[in-house]
Amino acid sequence: MLNATQLERQHDAGPLSDEPHLAQFSICYKPRPGSALAAFGRSWFGRANDGTTRCAFSAPGLGGTTPGEIAPTPDRYLGLHAPFFSPLRLREGARIEDVKARLTSFAAHRKPIETGPLTLMRVRCSLVLRPAAPRPELDWLALQCFNAFDSFAAMFETAEDEQPHLSPYQRLLLKSFGQPNVMSEYRFSMRLAGALDPRQLDRLSQALAPVVDGICAEGVCVDGLSLVGTTSAAKNGQNLGTSTRLLGRYALAG
């Protein structure tokens, strides 16, 4: 049986569907393989033998909340990560190879950024890891990333009533760019769970605090960007679901 590390490599390195089936692409920070934070991420967003992911973290003191009771998030299919460019479809005529070429050049001219200590934080109904102190350098990197790759993305319609928590400004961003948390609304975050009710959030944050405090006390170095692709498969007119794969890691080497 494959261990968690082997399963992660198998999942990340598996063959992609043909390019026409690429449904979405995104750019994010993923903890360096082999780091303590990456190991925690593998434990939290565990991988099943069939390549799908599930919340498989188990530790004493989850406060009566079992992994099965923890509401999943779409983030689990990417593992532990902080988005810099949220998943969007490629626009018509754009190629993922063009995105790779742009990202190679983009990363080569940017410097690594230290996050400083990370802390567990509640964001509405979710639990995230965020820098304890503001890091304008991360906000600036996200803005540069958005400006560099927005031209590759197709617009899509999102019903505003599906996200009632958005502010008027975030609604304007959603309508204009297909994403509400860009530019001045961006916050570097690694989401662990959500949506949860307040009681679940209390139990989960109390249980995870001692686990992540030691791992995140010094923070991490954002020293690279990961390009992730989501592909869709169909056979005989039937949708066979989607598959998320790591397309490449690009070191910040400026």
Protein backbone atom coordinates (compact mmCIF):
# COMPACT_ATOMS: atom_id res chain seq x y z
CA MET A 1 0.00 0.00 0.00
CA LEU A 2 1.28 3.47 -0.86
CA ASN A 3 2.01 5.84 2.01
CA ALA A 4 0.68 9.41 2.12
CA THR A 5 3.75 10.92 0.46
CA GLN A 6 3.67 8.43 -2.41
CA LEU A 7 -0.04 8.97 -2.87
CA GLU A 8 0.51 12.74 -3.06
CA ARG A 9 3.19 12.35 -5.69
CA GLN A 10 1.04 9.94 -7.66
CA HIS A 11 -1.90 12.31 -7.46
CA ASP A 12 0.13 15.39 -8.43
CA ALA A 13 2.16 13.76 -11.19
CA GLY A 14 -0.59 11.74 -12.89
CA PRO A 15 -1.27 12.34 -16.57
CA LEU A 16 -3.62 15.13 -17.46
CA SER A 17 -6.52 14.81 -19.80
CA ASP A 18 -5.98 16.26 -23.25
CA GLU A 19 -5.72 20.06 -23.23
CA PRO A 20 -9.21 20.68 -24.70
CA HIS A 21 -10.65 19.13 -21.51
CA LEU A 22 -8.83 21.54 -19.20
CA ALA A 23 -11.67 23.08 -17.21
CA GLN A 24 -9.84 25.57 -14.97
CA PHE A 25 -6.40 26.78 -13.98
CA SER A 26 -5.21 28.45 -10.81
CA ILE A 27 -1.96 29.73 -9.30
CA CYS A 28 -1.21 29.24 -5.65
CA TYR A 29 1.41 28.72 -2.97
CA LYS A 30 1.79 25.15 -1.74
CA PRO A 31 4.14 24.34 1.17
CA ARG A 32 7.49 22.94 0.12
CA PRO A 33 7.35 19.10 -0.07
CA GLY A 34 8.99 17.57 2.98
CA SER A 35 8.30 20.56 5.23
CA ALA A 36 6.39 20.26 8.50
CA LEU A 37 3.53 22.32 7.08
CA ALA A 38 3.31 20.10 4.00
CA ALA A 39 3.20 17.02 6.25
CA PHE A 40 0.37 18.59 8.25
CA GLY A 41 -1.47 19.36 5.02
CA ARG A 42 -1.20 15.74 3.91
CA SER A 43 -2.62 14.64 7.25
CA TRP A 44 -5.45 17.13 7.19
CA PHE A 45 -6.43 16.72 3.54
CA GLY A 46 -5.76 12.97 3.40
CA ARG A 47 -5.79 11.10 0.13
CA ALA A 48 -7.71 7.90 -0.52
CA ASN A 49 -6.29 5.05 -2.59
CA ASP A 50 -8.46 5.92 -5.56
CA GLY A 51 -6.80 9.34 -5.81
CA THR A 52 -9.70 11.31 -4.37
CA THR A 53 -9.21 13.32 -1.22
CA ARG A 54 -10.92 13.16 2.12
CA CYS A 55 -10.46 14.76 5.51
CA ALA A 56 -8.36 12.04 7.15
CA PHE A 57 -6.74 13.93 10.01
CA SER A 58 -6.99 12.10 13.28
CA ALA A 59 -5.66 13.35 16.61
CA PRO A 60 -6.73 13.27 20.25
CA GLY A 61 -8.75 16.22 21.41
CA LEU A 62 -10.89 17.07 18.40
CA GLY A 63 -13.49 18.03 20.95
CA GLY A 64 -15.97 15.37 19.90
CA THR A 65 -15.85 16.48 16.27
CA THR A 66 -14.93 13.58 14.02
CA PRO A 67 -13.36 14.14 10.59
CA GLY A 68 -16.64 13.09 8.99
CA GLU A 69 -18.42 15.95 10.75
CA ILE A 70 -16.01 18.58 9.45
CA ALA A 71 -17.57 20.30 6.48
CA PRO A 72 -15.44 19.84 3.36
CA THR A 73 -14.29 22.73 1.21
CA PRO A 74 -13.37 22.84 -2.47
CA ASP A 75 -9.82 23.57 -1.26
CA ARG A 76 -9.36 19.97 -0.16
CA TYR A 77 -8.86 18.92 -3.79
CA LEU A 78 -5.80 21.16 -4.01
CA GLY A 79 -4.51 20.20 -0.57
CA LEU A 80 -3.13 22.86 1.74
CA HIS A 81 -2.54 26.01 -0.32
CA ALA A 82 -2.92 29.77 -0.47
CA PRO A 83 -4.43 31.04 -3.73
CA PHE A 84 -2.85 33.89 -5.63
CA PHE A 85 -5.06 33.47 -8.71
CA SER A 86 -8.30 31.64 -8.00
CA PRO A 87 -9.54 28.93 -10.39
CA LEU A 88 -10.96 30.27 -13.63
CA ARG A 89 -11.54 28.80 -17.08
CA LEU A 90 -9.10 29.49 -19.89
CA ARG A 91 -10.54 32.00 -22.34
CA GLU A 92 -11.18 30.86 -25.89
CA GLY A 93 -7.93 30.71 -27.85
CA ALA A 94 -5.68 30.67 -24.78
CA ARG A 95 -3.40 27.69 -24.18
CA ILE A 96 -2.12 26.32 -20.90
CA GLU A 97 1.36 26.27 -22.45
CA ASP A 98 1.14 30.07 -22.76
CA VAL A 99 0.24 30.31 -19.08
CA LYS A 100 3.26 28.14 -18.22
CA ALA A 101 5.58 30.34 -20.28
CA ARG A 102 4.25 33.51 -18.64
CA LEU A 103 4.55 31.98 -15.17
CA THR A 104 8.14 30.88 -15.81
CA SER A 105 9.12 34.47 -16.63
CA PHE A 106 6.92 35.94 -13.88
CA ALA A 107 8.45 33.78 -11.14
CA ALA A 108 12.00 34.36 -12.33
CA HIS A 109 11.62 38.09 -11.65
CA ARG A 110 10.01 37.90 -8.19
CA LYS A 111 11.73 37.43 -4.85
CA PRO A 112 10.73 34.98 -2.10
CA ILE A 113 8.59 36.47 0.69
CA GLU A 114 8.59 35.53 4.37
CA THR A 115 5.09 35.37 5.82
CA GLY A 116 6.10 35.81 9.45
CA PRO A 117 4.24 33.76 12.07
CA LEU A 118 0.99 32.18 10.90
CA THR A 119 -2.06 31.93 13.12
CA LEU A 120 -5.42 30.18 13.08
CA MET A 121 -8.15 32.64 12.25
CA ARG A 122 -11.88 32.56 11.64
CA VAL A 123 -13.10 34.07 8.41
CA ARG A 124 -16.89 34.08 8.48
CA CYS A 125 -17.74 30.36 8.77
CA SER A 126 -14.31 29.03 7.83
CA LEU A 127 -11.05 28.32 9.63
CA VAL A 128 -7.86 29.53 7.93
CA LEU A 129 -4.15 30.00 8.49
CA ARG A 130 -3.07 33.62 7.96
CA PRO A 131 -0.04 35.77 8.79
CA ALA A 132 -0.38 37.17 12.31
CA ALA A 133 0.73 40.59 11.05
CA PRO A 134 -0.07 42.27 7.71
CA ARG A 135 2.36 41.41 4.90
CA PRO A 136 1.95 44.01 2.12
CA GLU A 137 4.52 42.12 0.04
CA LEU A 138 2.11 39.19 -0.26
CA ASP A 139 -0.76 41.50 -1.24
CA TRP A 140 1.47 43.09 -3.87
CA LEU A 141 2.49 39.69 -5.26
CA ALA A 142 -1.18 38.72 -5.53
CA LEU A 143 -2.01 41.94 -7.39
CA GLN A 144 0.89 41.41 -9.79
CA CYS A 145 -0.24 37.83 -10.30
CA PHE A 146 -3.78 38.94 -11.08
CA ASN A 147 -2.58 41.55 -13.56
CA ALA A 148 -0.26 39.07 -15.28
CA PHE A 149 -2.75 36.21 -15.73
CA ASP A 150 -6.22 37.73 -15.88
CA SER A 151 -5.94 38.02 -19.67
CA PHE A 152 -5.81 34.21 -19.92
CA ALA A 153 -9.08 33.72 -18.05
CA ALA A 154 -12.60 33.58 -19.38
CA MET A 155 -15.35 35.49 -17.64
CA PHE A 156 -18.22 33.62 -16.08
CA GLU A 157 -21.53 34.56 -14.60
CA THR A 158 -21.98 34.08 -10.86
CA ALA A 159 -25.31 34.72 -9.20
CA GLU A 160 -24.79 37.35 -6.51
CA ASP A 161 -27.45 35.80 -4.29
CA GLU A 162 -25.22 32.71 -3.98
CA GLN A 163 -22.79 34.81 -1.92
CA PRO A 164 -24.91 37.06 0.30
CA HIS A 165 -21.96 37.89 2.57
CA LEU A 166 -20.21 39.99 -0.10
CA SER A 167 -19.83 43.72 0.41
CA PRO A 168 -20.96 46.11 -2.34
CA TYR A 169 -17.32 46.52 -3.42
CA GLN A 170 -16.78 42.75 -3.53
CA ARG A 171 -19.93 42.41 -5.63
CA LEU A 172 -18.48 44.92 -8.06
CA LEU A 173 -15.23 42.94 -8.24
CA LEU A 174 -17.18 39.72 -8.79
CA LYS A 175 -19.16 41.28 -11.61
CA SER A 176 -16.06 42.83 -13.19
CA PHE A 177 -13.47 40.09 -12.77
CA GLY A 178 -15.33 36.92 -11.77
CA GLN A 179 -13.62 36.96 -8.36
CA PRO A 180 -14.58 38.96 -5.25
CA ASN A 181 -11.29 38.67 -3.34
CA VAL A 182 -8.83 40.39 -5.64
CA MET A 183 -6.81 43.59 -5.51
CA SER A 184 -7.44 45.41 -2.20
CA GLU A 185 -9.72 42.57 -1.03
CA TYR A 186 -7.01 39.92 -1.26
CA ARG A 187 -5.78 38.21 1.92
CA PHE A 188 -3.12 35.49 1.99
CA SER A 189 -4.93 32.49 3.52
CA MET A 190 -4.73 28.71 3.69
CA ARG A 191 -8.23 27.44 4.38
CA LEU A 192 -8.57 24.35 6.57
CA ALA A 193 -12.33 23.87 6.88
CA GLY A 194 -15.69 25.47 6.23
CA ALA A 195 -18.45 26.22 6.31
CA LEU A 196 -18.89 25.42 10.02
CA ASP A 197 -21.26 26.62 12.70
CA PRO A 198 -19.77 28.59 15.64
CA ARG A 199 -19.78 25.56 17.94
CA GLN A 200 -17.82 23.47 15.44
CA LEU A 201 -15.40 26.34 14.87
CA ASP A 202 -14.75 26.58 18.62
CA ARG A 203 -14.02 22.87 18.97
CA LEU A 204 -11.90 22.66 15.87
CA SER A 205 -9.81 25.75 16.56
CA GLN A 206 -9.14 24.61 20.13
CA ALA A 207 -8.08 21.18 18.91
CA LEU A 208 -5.86 22.42 16.08
CA ALA A 209 -4.17 25.30 17.89
CA PRO A 210 -1.57 23.16 19.70
CA VAL A 211 -0.93 21.19 16.51
CA VAL A 212 -0.23 24.16 14.25
CA ASP A 213 1.32 26.57 16.77
CA GLY A 214 4.70 24.86 16.67
CA ILE A 215 4.59 24.37 12.91
CA CYS A 216 3.60 27.96 12.14
CA ALA A 217 5.47 29.89 14.85
CA GLU A 218 8.12 31.07 12.39
CA GLY A 219 5.85 31.18 9.36
CA VAL A 220 6.88 30.01 5.92
CA CYS A 221 8.78 31.37 2.97
CA VAL A 222 6.69 31.82 -0.15
CA ASP A 223 9.52 30.79 -2.45
CA GLY A 224 7.53 29.45 -5.37
CA LEU A 225 4.21 29.37 -7.16
CA SER A 226 2.30 26.27 -8.22
CA LEU A 227 0.20 26.02 -11.37
CA VAL A 228 -2.80 23.75 -10.89
CA GLY A 229 -5.18 22.48 -13.54
CA THR A 230 -8.64 20.99 -13.17
CA THR A 231 -9.69 18.72 -16.03
CA SER A 232 -13.10 17.35 -16.84
CA ALA A 233 -13.74 13.99 -18.46
CA ALA A 234 -16.73 12.76 -20.41
CA LYS A 235 -17.61 9.51 -22.16
CA ASN A 236 -20.61 8.82 -24.36
CA GLY A 237 -22.03 12.17 -23.37
CA GLN A 238 -21.78 11.46 -19.65
CA ASN A 239 -19.80 13.65 -17.28
CA LEU A 240 -17.23 11.49 -15.48
CA GLY A 241 -16.23 14.22 -13.04
CA THR A 242 -13.15 16.36 -12.61
CA SER A 243 -9.53 15.73 -11.70
CA THR A 244 -7.11 18.23 -10.16
CA ARG A 245 -3.40 18.01 -10.95
CA LEU A 246 -0.25 19.98 -10.23
CA LEU A 247 1.06 21.21 -13.58
CA GLY A 248 4.31 22.64 -12.28
CA ARG A 249 6.17 24.45 -9.49
CA TYR A 250 7.95 27.70 -10.33
CA ALA A 251 10.63 29.05 -8.00
CA LEU A 252 10.61 32.75 -7.14
CA ALA A 253 14.18 33.52 -8.16
CA GLY A 254 14.33 37.28 -8.64
